[in-house]
Amino acid sequence: MKFKILSMKALFQAFTKHPGAVGETYLQHMAASLSFASVMLLAGMAALIHGAFPFLCVKTGSGIVARLHDRMVVHRVPPGRVDREAIRRTDRD
């Protein structure tokens, strides 16, 4: 097996290309991804509980998925566009 050795520039781009495409830094993207992952784990546990006990967590999983979709797709700020309301909220804190 032959391995390709990446230059430092290529390695840096590997970690920053996608986060930059969605208007985030690497650390911002990692934080957002981890927050989604933790919520998805909870939704998965709710689905497992619902599978075993259909009378429990009846709408929990679907509600979490709907909120995640809303957070990820509906309220996403396109790259290059400044979310002025988010800046105002930050300034108030």
C-alpha atoms as a PDB file:
ATOM      1  CA  MET A   1       0.000   0.000   0.000  1.00  0.00           C
ATOM      2  CA  LYS A   2       1.361   3.386  -0.963  1.00  0.00           C
ATOM      3  CA  PHE A   3       0.636   6.422   1.193  1.00  0.00           C
ATOM      4  CA  LYS A   4       0.505   9.960  -0.095  1.00  0.00           C
ATOM      5  CA  ILE A   5       2.392  12.428   2.065  1.00  0.00           C
ATOM      6  CA  LEU A   6       0.427  15.637   2.513  1.00  0.00           C
ATOM      7  CA  SER A   7       2.095  18.991   2.695  1.00  0.00           C
ATOM      8  CA  MET A   8       1.294  21.172   5.694  1.00  0.00           C
ATOM      9  CA  LYS A   9      -0.834  23.393   3.451  1.00  0.00           C
ATOM     10  CA  ALA A  10      -2.850  20.420   2.161  1.00  0.00           C
ATOM     11  CA  LEU A  11      -3.275  19.118   5.696  1.00  0.00           C
ATOM     12  CA  PHE A  12      -4.497  22.520   6.903  1.00  0.00           C
ATOM     13  CA  GLN A  13      -6.932  22.722   3.975  1.00  0.00           C
ATOM     14  CA  ALA A  14      -8.249  19.257   4.801  1.00  0.00           C
ATOM     15  CA  PHE A  15      -9.330  20.567   8.212  1.00  0.00           C
ATOM     16  CA  THR A  16     -10.626  23.963   7.102  1.00  0.00           C
ATOM     17  CA  LYS A  17     -12.203  23.567   3.641  1.00  0.00           C
ATOM     18  CA  HIS A  18     -15.623  22.251   4.684  1.00  0.00           C
ATOM     19  CA  PRO A  19     -15.991  24.397   7.832  1.00  0.00           C
ATOM     20  CA  GLY A  20     -15.068  27.444   5.742  1.00  0.00           C
ATOM     21  CA  ALA A  21     -17.656  26.490   3.128  1.00  0.00           C
ATOM     22  CA  VAL A  22     -20.381  26.696   5.768  1.00  0.00           C
ATOM     23  CA  GLY A  23     -19.054  29.946   7.253  1.00  0.00           C
ATOM     24  CA  GLU A  24     -17.361  28.497  10.338  1.00  0.00           C
ATOM     25  CA  THR A  25     -13.878  28.038  11.710  1.00  0.00           C
ATOM     26  CA  TYR A  26     -12.637  24.525  12.466  1.00  0.00           C
ATOM     27  CA  LEU A  27     -13.368  24.906  16.198  1.00  0.00           C
ATOM     28  CA  GLN A  28     -16.812  26.422  15.600  1.00  0.00           C
ATOM     29  CA  HIS A  29     -17.634  23.546  13.253  1.00  0.00           C
ATOM     30  CA  MET A  30     -16.376  20.976  15.762  1.00  0.00           C
ATOM     31  CA  ALA A  31     -18.519  22.505  18.526  1.00  0.00           C
ATOM     32  CA  ALA A  32     -21.618  22.563  16.305  1.00  0.00           C
ATOM     33  CA  SER A  33     -21.011  18.984  15.157  1.00  0.00           C
ATOM     34  CA  LEU A  34     -20.551  17.723  18.708  1.00  0.00           C
ATOM     35  CA  SER A  35     -23.724  19.483  19.845  1.00  0.00           C
ATOM     36  CA  PHE A  36     -25.655  17.818  17.005  1.00  0.00           C
ATOM     37  CA  ALA A  37     -24.084  14.443  17.797  1.00  0.00           C
ATOM     38  CA  SER A  38     -25.067  14.602  21.463  1.00  0.00           C
ATOM     39  CA  VAL A  39     -28.669  15.500  20.619  1.00  0.00           C
ATOM     40  CA  MET A  40     -28.801  12.733  17.985  1.00  0.00           C
ATOM     41  CA  LEU A  41     -27.576  10.230  20.568  1.00  0.00           C
ATOM     42  CA  LEU A  42     -30.459  11.249  22.831  1.00  0.00           C
ATOM     43  CA  ALA A  43     -32.886  10.857  19.923  1.00  0.00           C
ATOM     44  CA  GLY A  44     -31.463   7.404  19.237  1.00  0.00           C
ATOM     45  CA  MET A  45     -31.918   6.366  22.849  1.00  0.00           C
ATOM     46  CA  ALA A  46     -35.499   7.651  22.760  1.00  0.00           C
ATOM     47  CA  ALA A  47     -36.107   5.598  19.602  1.00  0.00           C
ATOM     48  CA  LEU A  48     -34.699   2.468  21.262  1.00  0.00           C
ATOM     49  CA  ILE A  49     -36.919   2.993  24.296  1.00  0.00           C
ATOM     50  CA  HIS A  50     -39.918   3.592  22.028  1.00  0.00           C
ATOM     51  CA  GLY A  51     -39.148   0.396  20.104  1.00  0.00           C
ATOM     52  CA  ALA A  52     -39.278  -1.678  23.275  1.00  0.00           C
ATOM     53  CA  PHE A  53     -42.081   0.274  24.950  1.00  0.00           C
ATOM     54  CA  PRO A  54     -44.280   1.842  22.231  1.00  0.00           C
ATOM     55  CA  PHE A  55     -46.223   3.875  24.781  1.00  0.00           C
ATOM     56  CA  LEU A  56     -43.055   5.794  25.838  1.00  0.00           C
ATOM     57  CA  CYS A  57     -41.221   8.522  23.911  1.00  0.00           C
ATOM     58  CA  VAL A  58     -43.988   8.576  21.294  1.00  0.00           C
ATOM     59  CA  LYS A  59     -42.980  11.906  19.752  1.00  0.00           C
ATOM     60  CA  THR A  60     -39.541  12.435  21.289  1.00  0.00           C
ATOM     61  CA  GLY A  61     -37.400  11.166  18.400  1.00  0.00           C
ATOM     62  CA  SER A  62     -39.372  12.853  15.636  1.00  0.00           C
ATOM     63  CA  GLY A  63     -39.488  16.107  17.612  1.00  0.00           C
ATOM     64  CA  ILE A  64     -35.717  16.090  18.042  1.00  0.00           C
ATOM     65  CA  VAL A  65     -35.183  15.379  14.338  1.00  0.00           C
ATOM     66  CA  ALA A  66     -37.514  18.260  13.403  1.00  0.00           C
ATOM     67  CA  ARG A  67     -35.648  20.657  15.711  1.00  0.00           C
ATOM     68  CA  LEU A  68     -32.268  19.558  14.361  1.00  0.00           C
ATOM     69  CA  HIS A  69     -33.491  20.043  10.782  1.00  0.00           C
ATOM     70  CA  ASP A  70     -34.744  23.494  11.702  1.00  0.00           C
ATOM     71  CA  ARG A  71     -31.412  24.359  13.313  1.00  0.00           C
ATOM     72  CA  MET A  72     -29.236  22.941  10.542  1.00  0.00           C
ATOM     73  CA  VAL A  73     -31.178  23.720   7.363  1.00  0.00           C
ATOM     74  CA  VAL A  74     -33.836  26.351   7.939  1.00  0.00           C
ATOM     75  CA  HIS A  75     -31.808  28.780  10.048  1.00  0.00           C
ATOM     76  CA  ARG A  76     -28.398  28.321   8.414  1.00  0.00           C
ATOM     77  CA  VAL A  77     -26.655  31.550   7.464  1.00  0.00           C
ATOM     78  CA  PRO A  78     -25.185  31.253   3.957  1.00  0.00           C
ATOM     79  CA  PRO A  79     -21.378  31.629   3.805  1.00  0.00           C
ATOM     80  CA  GLY A  80     -20.338  35.219   3.296  1.00  0.00           C
ATOM     81  CA  ARG A  81     -23.544  36.608   4.772  1.00  0.00           C
ATOM     82  CA  VAL A  82     -23.373  38.163   8.198  1.00  0.00           C
ATOM     83  CA  ASP A  83     -26.057  37.180  10.685  1.00  0.00           C
ATOM     84  CA  ARG A  84     -26.606  40.609  12.180  1.00  0.00           C
ATOM     85  CA  GLU A  85     -29.192  39.342  14.698  1.00  0.00           C
ATOM     86  CA  ALA A  86     -26.658  36.837  16.069  1.00  0.00           C
ATOM     87  CA  ILE A  87     -24.134  39.661  16.424  1.00  0.00           C
ATOM     88  CA  ARG A  88     -26.700  41.777  18.290  1.00  0.00           C
ATOM     89  CA  ARG A  89     -27.465  38.864  20.639  1.00  0.00           C
ATOM     90  CA  THR A  90     -23.741  38.410  21.281  1.00  0.00           C
ATOM     91  CA  ASP A  91     -23.295  42.130  21.952  1.00  0.00           C
ATOM     92  CA  ARG A  92     -26.096  42.053  24.552  1.00  0.00           C
ATOM     93  CA  ASP A  93     -24.497  39.197  26.545  1.00  0.00           C
END
